[in-house]
Amino acid sequence: MIDHPQSLIQYYRKNNGWTQREVADRLVCSPSQVHKHENGDAPMTIPWLKRYASVYNVKVSDLLMPEDKPENSTPIQISLLNVFSKLTVNQQRGVLALVSSMAKDN
């Protein structure tokens, strides 16, 4: 078994805008199996990693040691990044200025 890459399994699912059911349909398994993998309640084996990598169109190594993904991202951080990436550059600058001013207030 492998150290659990649940945050990346969830990251790629959310990044694609998919539900656990949609991923389960692609993996040909139950949504509860996807849920268990994302929450660390089921062992992550090489065969499962290969299936997830195929569904997400990434390499298995991307699920184990990402080069450009925060290792400890929370679901809120991932959601924020997904929304932020859909904004125009000017909108992103505005949001960054707002968030920066909020952080200074704390």
C-alpha atoms as a PDB file:
ATOM      1  CA  MET A   1       0.000   0.000   0.000  1.00  0.00           C
ATOM      2  CA  ILE A   2       0.976   3.609  -0.540  1.00  0.00           C
ATOM      3  CA  ASP A   3       0.836   6.694   1.661  1.00  0.00           C
ATOM      4  CA  HIS A   4      -2.605   8.090   1.025  1.00  0.00           C
ATOM      5  CA  PRO A   5      -2.804  10.794  -1.689  1.00  0.00           C
ATOM      6  CA  GLN A   6      -6.416  11.677  -0.847  1.00  0.00           C
ATOM      7  CA  SER A   7      -5.968  15.426  -1.136  1.00  0.00           C
ATOM      8  CA  LEU A   8      -4.784  15.023  -4.729  1.00  0.00           C
ATOM      9  CA  ILE A   9      -7.530  12.572  -5.659  1.00  0.00           C
ATOM     10  CA  GLN A  10     -10.012  15.144  -4.386  1.00  0.00           C
ATOM     11  CA  TYR A  11      -8.068  18.034  -5.966  1.00  0.00           C
ATOM     12  CA  TYR A  12      -8.259  16.528  -9.459  1.00  0.00           C
ATOM     13  CA  ARG A  13     -11.945  15.652  -9.040  1.00  0.00           C
ATOM     14  CA  LYS A  14     -12.863  19.161  -7.975  1.00  0.00           C
ATOM     15  CA  ASN A  15     -10.546  20.716 -10.552  1.00  0.00           C
ATOM     16  CA  ASN A  16     -12.534  18.859 -13.229  1.00  0.00           C
ATOM     17  CA  GLY A  17     -15.808  19.976 -11.656  1.00  0.00           C
ATOM     18  CA  TRP A  18     -16.896  16.369 -11.108  1.00  0.00           C
ATOM     19  CA  THR A  19     -18.926  14.838  -8.312  1.00  0.00           C
ATOM     20  CA  GLN A  20     -17.855  11.666  -6.570  1.00  0.00           C
ATOM     21  CA  ARG A  21     -20.574   9.864  -8.528  1.00  0.00           C
ATOM     22  CA  GLU A  22     -19.165  11.090 -11.849  1.00  0.00           C
ATOM     23  CA  VAL A  23     -15.685   9.885 -10.902  1.00  0.00           C
ATOM     24  CA  ALA A  24     -17.148   6.578  -9.719  1.00  0.00           C
ATOM     25  CA  ASP A  25     -18.887   6.134 -13.075  1.00  0.00           C
ATOM     26  CA  ARG A  26     -15.566   6.687 -14.853  1.00  0.00           C
ATOM     27  CA  LEU A  27     -13.757   4.303 -12.491  1.00  0.00           C
ATOM     28  CA  VAL A  28     -16.600   1.772 -12.670  1.00  0.00           C
ATOM     29  CA  CYS A  29     -16.973   1.616  -8.915  1.00  0.00           C
ATOM     30  CA  SER A  30     -19.366   2.949  -6.293  1.00  0.00           C
ATOM     31  CA  PRO A  31     -19.402   6.591  -5.163  1.00  0.00           C
ATOM     32  CA  SER A  32     -18.778   5.312  -1.638  1.00  0.00           C
ATOM     33  CA  GLN A  33     -15.454   3.841  -2.829  1.00  0.00           C
ATOM     34  CA  VAL A  34     -14.385   7.263  -4.141  1.00  0.00           C
ATOM     35  CA  HIS A  35     -15.511   8.825  -0.863  1.00  0.00           C
ATOM     36  CA  LYS A  36     -13.478   6.290   1.119  1.00  0.00           C
ATOM     37  CA  HIS A  37     -10.372   6.988  -0.972  1.00  0.00           C
ATOM     38  CA  GLU A  38     -10.756  10.750  -0.610  1.00  0.00           C
ATOM     39  CA  ASN A  39     -11.162  10.463   3.152  1.00  0.00           C
ATOM     40  CA  GLY A  40      -8.422   7.903   3.712  1.00  0.00           C
ATOM     41  CA  ASP A  41     -10.885   5.224   4.805  1.00  0.00           C
ATOM     42  CA  ALA A  42      -9.822   2.764   2.080  1.00  0.00           C
ATOM     43  CA  PRO A  43      -6.302   1.679   1.131  1.00  0.00           C
ATOM     44  CA  MET A  44      -4.824   3.287  -1.965  1.00  0.00           C
ATOM     45  CA  THR A  45      -3.135   0.574  -4.007  1.00  0.00           C
ATOM     46  CA  ILE A  46      -1.163   0.758  -7.242  1.00  0.00           C
ATOM     47  CA  PRO A  47      -4.122  -0.541  -9.297  1.00  0.00           C
ATOM     48  CA  TRP A  48      -6.358   2.168  -7.833  1.00  0.00           C
ATOM     49  CA  LEU A  49      -3.746   4.851  -8.477  1.00  0.00           C
ATOM     50  CA  LYS A  50      -3.495   3.716 -12.101  1.00  0.00           C
ATOM     51  CA  ARG A  51      -7.274   3.916 -12.485  1.00  0.00           C
ATOM     52  CA  TYR A  52      -7.449   7.415 -10.985  1.00  0.00           C
ATOM     53  CA  ALA A  53      -4.514   8.582 -13.098  1.00  0.00           C
ATOM     54  CA  SER A  54      -6.271   7.326 -16.217  1.00  0.00           C
ATOM     55  CA  VAL A  55      -9.547   9.057 -15.296  1.00  0.00           C
ATOM     56  CA  TYR A  56      -7.800  12.356 -14.494  1.00  0.00           C
ATOM     57  CA  ASN A  57      -5.427  12.038 -17.460  1.00  0.00           C
ATOM     58  CA  VAL A  58      -2.335  12.451 -15.286  1.00  0.00           C
ATOM     59  CA  LYS A  59       0.660  10.299 -14.415  1.00  0.00           C
ATOM     60  CA  VAL A  60       0.571   8.132 -11.294  1.00  0.00           C
ATOM     61  CA  SER A  61       3.522  10.160 -10.016  1.00  0.00           C
ATOM     62  CA  ASP A  62       1.340  13.299 -10.177  1.00  0.00           C
ATOM     63  CA  LEU A  63      -0.946  11.677  -7.624  1.00  0.00           C
ATOM     64  CA  LEU A  64       1.957  10.854  -5.331  1.00  0.00           C
ATOM     65  CA  MET A  65       4.401  13.752  -5.609  1.00  0.00           C
ATOM     66  CA  PRO A  66       2.928  16.799  -7.314  1.00  0.00           C
ATOM     67  CA  GLU A  67       5.407  19.418  -8.401  1.00  0.00           C
ATOM     68  CA  ASP A  68       3.089  22.394  -8.529  1.00  0.00           C
ATOM     69  CA  LYS A  69       0.215  21.537  -6.186  1.00  0.00           C
ATOM     70  CA  PRO A  70       0.113  22.496  -2.515  1.00  0.00           C
ATOM     71  CA  GLU A  71       0.355  19.292  -0.527  1.00  0.00           C
ATOM     72  CA  ASN A  72      -1.909  20.406   2.286  1.00  0.00           C
ATOM     73  CA  SER A  73      -4.585  22.354   0.435  1.00  0.00           C
ATOM     74  CA  THR A  74      -7.953  22.403   2.088  1.00  0.00           C
ATOM     75  CA  PRO A  75     -11.137  21.968   0.039  1.00  0.00           C
ATOM     76  CA  ILE A  76     -11.856  25.678   0.535  1.00  0.00           C
ATOM     77  CA  GLN A  77      -8.426  26.629  -0.810  1.00  0.00           C
ATOM     78  CA  ILE A  78      -8.918  24.387  -3.830  1.00  0.00           C
ATOM     79  CA  SER A  79     -12.381  25.835  -4.478  1.00  0.00           C
ATOM     80  CA  LEU A  80     -11.035  29.363  -4.160  1.00  0.00           C
ATOM     81  CA  LEU A  81      -8.258  28.625  -6.626  1.00  0.00           C
ATOM     82  CA  ASN A  82     -10.733  27.090  -9.090  1.00  0.00           C
ATOM     83  CA  VAL A  83     -12.996  30.147  -8.942  1.00  0.00           C
ATOM     84  CA  PHE A  84     -10.049  32.552  -9.045  1.00  0.00           C
ATOM     85  CA  SER A  85      -8.655  30.893 -12.188  1.00  0.00           C
ATOM     86  CA  LYS A  86     -11.915  31.629 -14.037  1.00  0.00           C
ATOM     87  CA  LEU A  87     -11.624  35.398 -13.471  1.00  0.00           C
ATOM     88  CA  THR A  88     -10.042  37.855 -15.861  1.00  0.00           C
ATOM     89  CA  VAL A  89      -6.613  39.225 -14.975  1.00  0.00           C
ATOM     90  CA  ASN A  90      -8.147  42.544 -13.870  1.00  0.00           C
ATOM     91  CA  GLN A  91     -10.683  40.732 -11.698  1.00  0.00           C
ATOM     92  CA  GLN A  92      -7.881  38.641 -10.185  1.00  0.00           C
ATOM     93  CA  ARG A  93      -5.960  41.825  -9.324  1.00  0.00           C
ATOM     94  CA  GLY A  94      -9.049  43.247  -7.627  1.00  0.00           C
ATOM     95  CA  VAL A  95      -9.624  40.097  -5.613  1.00  0.00           C
ATOM     96  CA  LEU A  96      -5.950  39.949  -4.634  1.00  0.00           C
ATOM     97  CA  ALA A  97      -6.033  43.570  -3.453  1.00  0.00           C
ATOM     98  CA  LEU A  98      -9.191  42.902  -1.422  1.00  0.00           C
ATOM     99  CA  VAL A  99      -7.860  39.718   0.166  1.00  0.00           C
ATOM    100  CA  SER A 100      -4.506  41.372   0.901  1.00  0.00           C
ATOM    101  CA  SER A 101      -6.233  44.236   2.695  1.00  0.00           C
ATOM    102  CA  MET A 102      -8.315  41.747   4.689  1.00  0.00           C
ATOM    103  CA  ALA A 103      -5.186  39.842   5.720  1.00  0.00           C
ATOM    104  CA  LYS A 104      -3.536  43.085   6.942  1.00  0.00           C
ATOM    105  CA  ASP A 105      -6.553  43.734   9.192  1.00  0.00           C
ATOM    106  CA  ASN A 106      -6.034  40.446  11.070  1.00  0.00           C
END
